[in-house]
Amino acid sequence: MVDLDNVSRIGTHLSNIFNNISEGIKSQLSEMIVLEIINVENFTGHSIDNDSIEEKYRHAIVNLVKADLVDLINAQTGGGASIKLAELSISDTQDVLSAEQYRKIADMSLKNIGRKINFARSIS
């Protein structure tokens, strides 16, 4: 199993498994990962170090970026091409569904992590 403990390793991992990712998307991959880390931080209320990502956050971050990549590839190809993700091949009408599936997987991961909640008491 690949150790996905920082932005660079996640980017390399995703570049390797997405066979037809364009250079334009590759150049933005690190920024996409950082933005998804911020989304996970906002959801959970926890701080995540980009250079030392705890294991419990990795699954959600990777799947959110995968969904973003499928959407971007779909936008570049106009939805008429196929996407290859390692052994998985997605064509034409299935690509939007695939992005949604990655988001659902990430959402389940986020729910398993939970949210940090602070309570305050009001004295009246």
N, C-alpha and C. Protein backbone atom coordinates (compact mmCIF):
# COMPACT_ATOMS: atom_id res chain seq x y z
N MET A 1 0.84 -1.18 0.00
CA MET A 1 0.00 0.00 0.00
C MET A 1 0.88 1.24 0.00
N VAL A 2 0.50 2.21 -0.79
CA VAL A 2 1.25 3.44 -0.92
C VAL A 2 1.01 4.31 0.32
N ASP A 3 2.06 4.92 0.84
CA ASP A 3 1.92 5.82 1.98
C ASP A 3 1.54 7.21 1.46
N LEU A 4 0.33 7.63 1.71
CA LEU A 4 -0.21 8.89 1.21
C LEU A 4 -0.23 9.92 2.32
N ASP A 5 0.94 10.18 2.91
CA ASP A 5 0.99 11.04 4.09
C ASP A 5 1.29 12.51 3.80
N ASN A 6 1.42 12.89 2.53
CA ASN A 6 1.60 14.31 2.22
C ASN A 6 1.05 14.62 0.83
N VAL A 7 0.98 15.90 0.51
CA VAL A 7 0.39 16.36 -0.74
C VAL A 7 1.13 15.79 -1.94
N SER A 8 2.45 15.79 -1.88
CA SER A 8 3.26 15.31 -3.00
C SER A 8 3.00 13.83 -3.29
N ARG A 9 2.95 13.02 -2.27
CA ARG A 9 2.72 11.58 -2.47
C ARG A 9 1.31 11.30 -2.98
N ILE A 10 0.34 12.05 -2.50
CA ILE A 10 -1.03 11.88 -3.01
C ILE A 10 -1.07 12.27 -4.49
N GLY A 11 -0.41 13.37 -4.84
CA GLY A 11 -0.37 13.81 -6.24
C GLY A 11 0.29 12.78 -7.14
N THR A 12 1.40 12.23 -6.70
CA THR A 12 2.10 11.19 -7.48
C THR A 12 1.22 9.96 -7.64
N HIS A 13 0.58 9.55 -6.56
CA HIS A 13 -0.31 8.38 -6.59
C HIS A 13 -1.44 8.59 -7.60
N LEU A 14 -2.08 9.75 -7.55
CA LEU A 14 -3.20 10.01 -8.46
C LEU A 14 -2.73 10.14 -9.90
N SER A 15 -1.56 10.73 -10.12
CA SER A 15 -1.01 10.82 -11.48
C SER A 15 -0.73 9.44 -12.05
N ASN A 16 -0.30 8.53 -11.20
CA ASN A 16 0.01 7.18 -11.66
C ASN A 16 -1.23 6.36 -11.98
N ILE A 17 -2.31 6.56 -11.23
CA ILE A 17 -3.49 5.72 -11.47
C ILE A 17 -4.43 6.30 -12.52
N PHE A 18 -4.38 7.62 -12.76
CA PHE A 18 -5.16 8.21 -13.85
C PHE A 18 -4.28 8.22 -15.09
N ASN A 19 -4.57 7.32 -16.02
CA ASN A 19 -3.71 7.15 -17.19
C ASN A 19 -3.79 8.29 -18.20
N ASN A 20 -4.91 8.97 -18.29
CA ASN A 20 -5.07 9.98 -19.33
C ASN A 20 -5.22 11.40 -18.79
N ILE A 21 -4.56 11.70 -17.69
CA ILE A 21 -4.64 13.03 -17.11
C ILE A 21 -3.77 14.00 -17.94
N SER A 22 -4.32 15.15 -18.27
CA SER A 22 -3.61 16.11 -19.11
C SER A 22 -2.56 16.87 -18.29
N GLU A 23 -1.62 17.49 -18.98
CA GLU A 23 -0.58 18.27 -18.31
C GLU A 23 -1.20 19.47 -17.58
N GLY A 24 -2.26 20.04 -18.13
CA GLY A 24 -2.93 21.16 -17.48
C GLY A 24 -3.51 20.78 -16.13
N ILE A 25 -4.11 19.60 -16.06
CA ILE A 25 -4.67 19.12 -14.79
C ILE A 25 -3.54 18.73 -13.85
N LYS A 26 -2.50 18.07 -14.37
CA LYS A 26 -1.37 17.67 -13.53
C LYS A 26 -0.74 18.88 -12.85
N SER A 27 -0.67 20.00 -13.58
CA SER A 27 -0.04 21.19 -13.00
C SER A 27 -0.87 21.77 -11.85
N GLN A 28 -2.14 21.46 -11.80
CA GLN A 28 -3.03 21.97 -10.75
C GLN A 28 -3.32 20.95 -9.66
N LEU A 29 -2.74 19.78 -9.78
CA LEU A 29 -3.07 18.68 -8.87
C LEU A 29 -2.76 18.99 -7.40
N SER A 30 -1.60 19.56 -7.14
CA SER A 30 -1.24 19.89 -5.75
C SER A 30 -2.22 20.89 -5.15
N GLU A 31 -2.61 21.88 -5.94
CA GLU A 31 -3.57 22.87 -5.46
C GLU A 31 -4.93 22.22 -5.18
N MET A 32 -5.34 21.30 -6.04
CA MET A 32 -6.61 20.60 -5.82
C MET A 32 -6.57 19.81 -4.52
N ILE A 33 -5.45 19.17 -4.26
CA ILE A 33 -5.31 18.38 -3.03
C ILE A 33 -5.37 19.29 -1.80
N VAL A 34 -4.65 20.41 -1.86
CA VAL A 34 -4.65 21.35 -0.73
C VAL A 34 -6.06 21.89 -0.49
N LEU A 35 -6.79 22.19 -1.56
CA LEU A 35 -8.16 22.69 -1.39
C LEU A 35 -9.08 21.64 -0.77
N GLU A 36 -8.89 20.38 -1.13
CA GLU A 36 -9.70 19.33 -0.51
C GLU A 36 -9.30 19.11 0.95
N ILE A 37 -8.02 19.30 1.26
CA ILE A 37 -7.59 19.23 2.66
C ILE A 37 -8.30 20.32 3.46
N ILE A 38 -8.40 21.51 2.89
CA ILE A 38 -9.12 22.61 3.56
C ILE A 38 -10.58 22.24 3.74
N ASN A 39 -11.20 21.63 2.74
CA ASN A 39 -12.59 21.20 2.87
C ASN A 39 -12.76 20.18 4.00
N VAL A 40 -11.83 19.24 4.10
CA VAL A 40 -11.89 18.24 5.17
C VAL A 40 -11.68 18.92 6.52
N GLU A 41 -10.75 19.87 6.59
CA GLU A 41 -10.55 20.63 7.83
C GLU A 41 -11.82 21.37 8.23
N ASN A 42 -12.47 22.01 7.26
CA ASN A 42 -13.69 22.75 7.55
C ASN A 42 -14.81 21.83 8.02
N PHE A 43 -14.89 20.65 7.45
CA PHE A 43 -15.93 19.70 7.85
C PHE A 43 -15.68 19.16 9.25
N THR A 44 -14.44 18.74 9.50
CA THR A 44 -14.14 18.06 10.77
C THR A 44 -13.85 19.02 11.92
N GLY A 45 -13.38 20.21 11.59
CA GLY A 45 -12.97 21.14 12.64
C GLY A 45 -11.56 20.86 13.15
N HIS A 46 -10.86 19.93 12.52
CA HIS A 46 -9.49 19.57 12.90
C HIS A 46 -8.50 20.21 11.94
N SER A 47 -7.31 20.47 12.42
CA SER A 47 -6.24 21.00 11.59
C SER A 47 -5.45 19.83 10.99
N ILE A 48 -5.14 19.95 9.68
CA ILE A 48 -4.42 18.88 8.99
C ILE A 48 -3.13 19.48 8.43
N ASP A 49 -2.01 18.87 8.77
CA ASP A 49 -0.70 19.29 8.27
C ASP A 49 -0.49 18.70 6.87
N ASN A 50 -0.26 19.56 5.87
CA ASN A 50 -0.09 19.10 4.49
C ASN A 50 1.11 18.16 4.31
N ASP A 51 2.09 18.26 5.18
CA ASP A 51 3.29 17.43 5.07
C ASP A 51 3.24 16.18 5.93
N SER A 52 2.21 16.05 6.75
CA SER A 52 2.07 14.88 7.61
C SER A 52 0.58 14.62 7.85
N ILE A 53 -0.09 14.12 6.82
CA ILE A 53 -1.53 13.91 6.87
C ILE A 53 -1.82 12.62 7.64
N GLU A 54 -2.62 12.76 8.69
CA GLU A 54 -2.98 11.59 9.49
C GLU A 54 -3.78 10.60 8.64
N GLU A 55 -3.61 9.33 8.94
CA GLU A 55 -4.23 8.26 8.16
C GLU A 55 -5.76 8.39 8.09
N LYS A 56 -6.38 8.85 9.16
CA LYS A 56 -7.85 8.91 9.18
C LYS A 56 -8.42 9.90 8.16
N TYR A 57 -7.63 10.86 7.68
CA TYR A 57 -8.10 11.84 6.71
C TYR A 57 -7.80 11.45 5.27
N ARG A 58 -6.87 10.56 5.05
CA ARG A 58 -6.37 10.27 3.71
C ARG A 58 -7.44 9.74 2.77
N HIS A 59 -8.25 8.82 3.24
CA HIS A 59 -9.28 8.21 2.39
C HIS A 59 -10.23 9.27 1.85
N ALA A 60 -10.71 10.14 2.70
CA ALA A 60 -11.64 11.18 2.26
C ALA A 60 -10.96 12.13 1.28
N ILE A 61 -9.75 12.56 1.58
CA ILE A 61 -9.04 13.50 0.71
C ILE A 61 -8.81 12.90 -0.67
N VAL A 62 -8.31 11.68 -0.72
CA VAL A 62 -8.01 11.03 -2.00
C VAL A 62 -9.28 10.87 -2.83
N ASN A 63 -10.37 10.45 -2.22
CA ASN A 63 -11.60 10.24 -2.97
C ASN A 63 -12.22 11.56 -3.43
N LEU A 64 -12.10 12.62 -2.64
CA LEU A 64 -12.58 13.93 -3.08
C LEU A 64 -11.79 14.42 -4.30
N VAL A 65 -10.48 14.22 -4.27
CA VAL A 65 -9.66 14.63 -5.41
C VAL A 65 -9.96 13.76 -6.62
N LYS A 66 -10.19 12.47 -6.43
CA LYS A 66 -10.56 11.59 -7.55
C LYS A 66 -11.84 12.09 -8.21
N ALA A 67 -12.82 12.48 -7.40
CA ALA A 67 -14.08 13.02 -7.96
C ALA A 67 -13.81 14.29 -8.75
N ASP A 68 -12.95 15.16 -8.21
CA ASP A 68 -12.60 16.38 -8.93
C ASP A 68 -11.91 16.07 -10.25
N LEU A 69 -11.01 15.09 -10.24
CA LEU A 69 -10.30 14.71 -11.46
C LEU A 69 -11.26 14.17 -12.51
N VAL A 70 -12.18 13.31 -12.12
CA VAL A 70 -13.16 12.78 -13.07
C VAL A 70 -13.97 13.92 -13.67
N ASP A 71 -14.39 14.87 -12.83
CA ASP A 71 -15.15 16.02 -13.33
C ASP A 71 -14.32 16.87 -14.30
N LEU A 72 -13.05 17.10 -13.98
CA LEU A 72 -12.20 17.90 -14.86
C LEU A 72 -11.91 17.20 -16.18
N ILE A 73 -11.64 15.91 -16.12
CA ILE A 73 -11.41 15.16 -17.36
C ILE A 73 -12.68 15.18 -18.21
N ASN A 74 -13.82 15.03 -17.56
CA ASN A 74 -15.10 15.09 -18.27
C ASN A 74 -15.31 16.45 -18.91
N ALA A 75 -14.97 17.51 -18.20
CA ALA A 75 -15.12 18.86 -18.74
C ALA A 75 -14.21 19.09 -19.94
N GLN A 76 -13.00 18.57 -19.89
CA GLN A 76 -12.05 18.75 -20.99
C GLN A 76 -12.45 17.95 -22.23
N THR A 77 -13.02 16.77 -22.02
CA THR A 77 -13.36 15.92 -23.15
C THR A 77 -14.79 16.10 -23.61
N GLY A 78 -15.57 16.90 -22.90
CA GLY A 78 -16.96 17.11 -23.28
C GLY A 78 -17.86 15.94 -22.94
N GLY A 79 -17.37 15.03 -22.13
CA GLY A 79 -18.19 13.90 -21.70
C GLY A 79 -18.28 12.77 -22.71
N GLY A 80 -17.55 12.87 -23.82
CA GLY A 80 -17.67 11.85 -24.84
C GLY A 80 -16.51 10.88 -24.89
N ALA A 81 -15.58 11.02 -23.99
CA ALA A 81 -14.40 10.14 -24.03
C ALA A 81 -14.43 9.18 -22.85
N SER A 82 -13.48 8.29 -22.86
CA SER A 82 -13.41 7.34 -21.75
C SER A 82 -12.31 7.76 -20.78
N ILE A 83 -12.46 7.37 -19.54
CA ILE A 83 -11.50 7.67 -18.49
C ILE A 83 -10.96 6.34 -17.99
N LYS A 84 -9.65 6.25 -17.85
CA LYS A 84 -9.05 5.03 -17.32
C LYS A 84 -8.43 5.35 -15.97
N LEU A 85 -8.84 4.60 -14.97
CA LEU A 85 -8.30 4.71 -13.62
C LEU A 85 -7.81 3.32 -13.23
N ALA A 86 -6.52 3.12 -13.39
CA ALA A 86 -5.91 1.80 -13.18
C ALA A 86 -6.66 0.77 -14.03
N GLU A 87 -7.30 -0.22 -13.42
CA GLU A 87 -8.01 -1.24 -14.17
C GLU A 87 -9.45 -0.82 -14.49
N LEU A 88 -9.92 0.23 -13.86
CA LEU A 88 -11.30 0.69 -14.05
C LEU A 88 -11.38 1.57 -15.28
N SER A 89 -12.29 1.30 -16.17
CA SER A 89 -12.50 2.12 -17.36
C SER A 89 -13.92 2.64 -17.33
N ILE A 90 -14.06 3.95 -17.49
CA ILE A 90 -15.38 4.59 -17.43
C ILE A 90 -15.59 5.30 -18.77
N SER A 91 -16.72 5.07 -19.39
CA SER A 91 -16.95 5.71 -20.67
C SER A 91 -18.26 6.48 -20.67
N ASP A 92 -18.28 7.50 -21.48
CA ASP A 92 -19.44 8.32 -21.82
C ASP A 92 -20.35 8.65 -20.64
N THR A 93 -21.47 7.97 -20.46
CA THR A 93 -22.47 8.36 -19.48
C THR A 93 -22.12 7.98 -18.05
N GLN A 94 -21.14 7.12 -17.86
CA GLN A 94 -20.83 6.65 -16.52
C GLN A 94 -19.88 7.57 -15.77
N ASP A 95 -19.23 8.54 -16.45
CA ASP A 95 -18.22 9.34 -15.78
C ASP A 95 -18.80 10.27 -14.72
N VAL A 96 -19.95 10.84 -14.96
CA VAL A 96 -20.58 11.71 -13.96
C VAL A 96 -20.99 10.88 -12.75
N LEU A 97 -21.53 9.71 -12.99
CA LEU A 97 -21.91 8.80 -11.91
C LEU A 97 -20.69 8.43 -11.08
N SER A 98 -19.57 8.19 -11.74
CA SER A 98 -18.36 7.81 -11.03
C SER A 98 -17.89 8.92 -10.10
N ALA A 99 -17.91 10.16 -10.56
CA ALA A 99 -17.52 11.29 -9.72
C ALA A 99 -18.42 11.36 -8.49
N GLU A 100 -19.69 11.13 -8.69
CA GLU A 100 -20.64 11.16 -7.58
C GLU A 100 -20.36 10.01 -6.60
N GLN A 101 -19.97 8.86 -7.12
CA GLN A 101 -19.65 7.73 -6.24
C GLN A 101 -18.43 8.04 -5.38
N TYR A 102 -17.40 8.66 -5.97
CA TYR A 102 -16.23 9.04 -5.19
C TYR A 102 -16.61 10.03 -4.09
N ARG A 103 -17.50 10.97 -4.41
CA ARG A 103 -17.94 11.94 -3.40
C ARG A 103 -18.71 11.25 -2.27
N LYS A 104 -19.52 10.27 -2.61
CA LYS A 104 -20.27 9.54 -1.58
C LYS A 104 -19.32 8.75 -0.67
N ILE A 105 -18.31 8.13 -1.27
CA ILE A 105 -17.32 7.39 -0.48
C ILE A 105 -16.59 8.34 0.46
N ALA A 106 -16.19 9.50 -0.07
CA ALA A 106 -15.50 10.50 0.75
C ALA A 106 -16.41 11.01 1.85
N ASP A 107 -17.69 11.22 1.53
CA ASP A 107 -18.65 11.69 2.53
C ASP A 107 -18.80 10.68 3.67
N MET A 108 -18.84 9.40 3.33
CA MET A 108 -18.92 8.37 4.38
C MET A 108 -17.67 8.40 5.25
N SER A 109 -16.51 8.60 4.63
CA SER A 109 -15.26 8.68 5.40
C SER A 109 -15.29 9.87 6.35
N LEU A 110 -15.77 11.00 5.85
CA LEU A 110 -15.85 12.20 6.70
C LEU A 110 -16.80 11.98 7.87
N LYS A 111 -17.91 11.33 7.62
CA LYS A 111 -18.86 11.05 8.70
C LYS A 111 -18.26 10.12 9.75
N ASN A 112 -17.41 9.18 9.30
CA ASN A 112 -16.75 8.28 10.24
C ASN A 112 -15.74 9.02 11.11
N ILE A 113 -15.09 10.04 10.55
CA ILE A 113 -14.14 10.85 11.32
C ILE A 113 -14.90 11.67 12.36
N GLY A 114 -16.02 12.22 11.95
CA GLY A 114 -16.83 13.04 12.85
C GLY A 114 -16.42 14.49 12.82
N ARG A 115 -17.14 15.28 13.56
CA ARG A 115 -16.91 16.72 13.63
C ARG A 115 -16.53 17.12 15.05
N LYS A 116 -15.72 18.14 15.11
CA LYS A 116 -15.35 18.72 16.40
C LYS A 116 -16.42 19.76 16.74
N ILE A 117 -17.08 19.58 17.86
CA ILE A 117 -18.16 20.49 18.25
C ILE A 117 -17.81 21.12 19.59
N ASN A 118 -17.99 22.43 19.63
CA ASN A 118 -17.79 23.17 20.86
C ASN A 118 -19.13 23.66 21.38
N PHE A 119 -19.35 23.48 22.66
CA PHE A 119 -20.59 23.94 23.27
C PHE A 119 -20.28 25.14 24.17
N ALA A 120 -21.19 26.06 24.19
CA ALA A 120 -21.06 27.21 25.08
C ALA A 120 -22.33 27.31 25.91
N ARG A 121 -22.17 27.75 27.13
CA ARG A 121 -23.32 27.89 28.02
C ARG A 121 -23.63 29.36 28.18
N SER A 122 -24.87 29.69 28.05
CA SER A 122 -25.30 31.07 28.18
C SER A 122 -25.89 31.28 29.57
N ILE A 123 -25.43 32.33 30.22
CA ILE A 123 -25.97 32.67 31.55
C ILE A 123 -26.92 33.84 31.36
N SER A 124 -28.19 33.59 31.70
CA SER A 124 -29.19 34.65 31.53
C SER A 124 -29.61 35.22 32.84
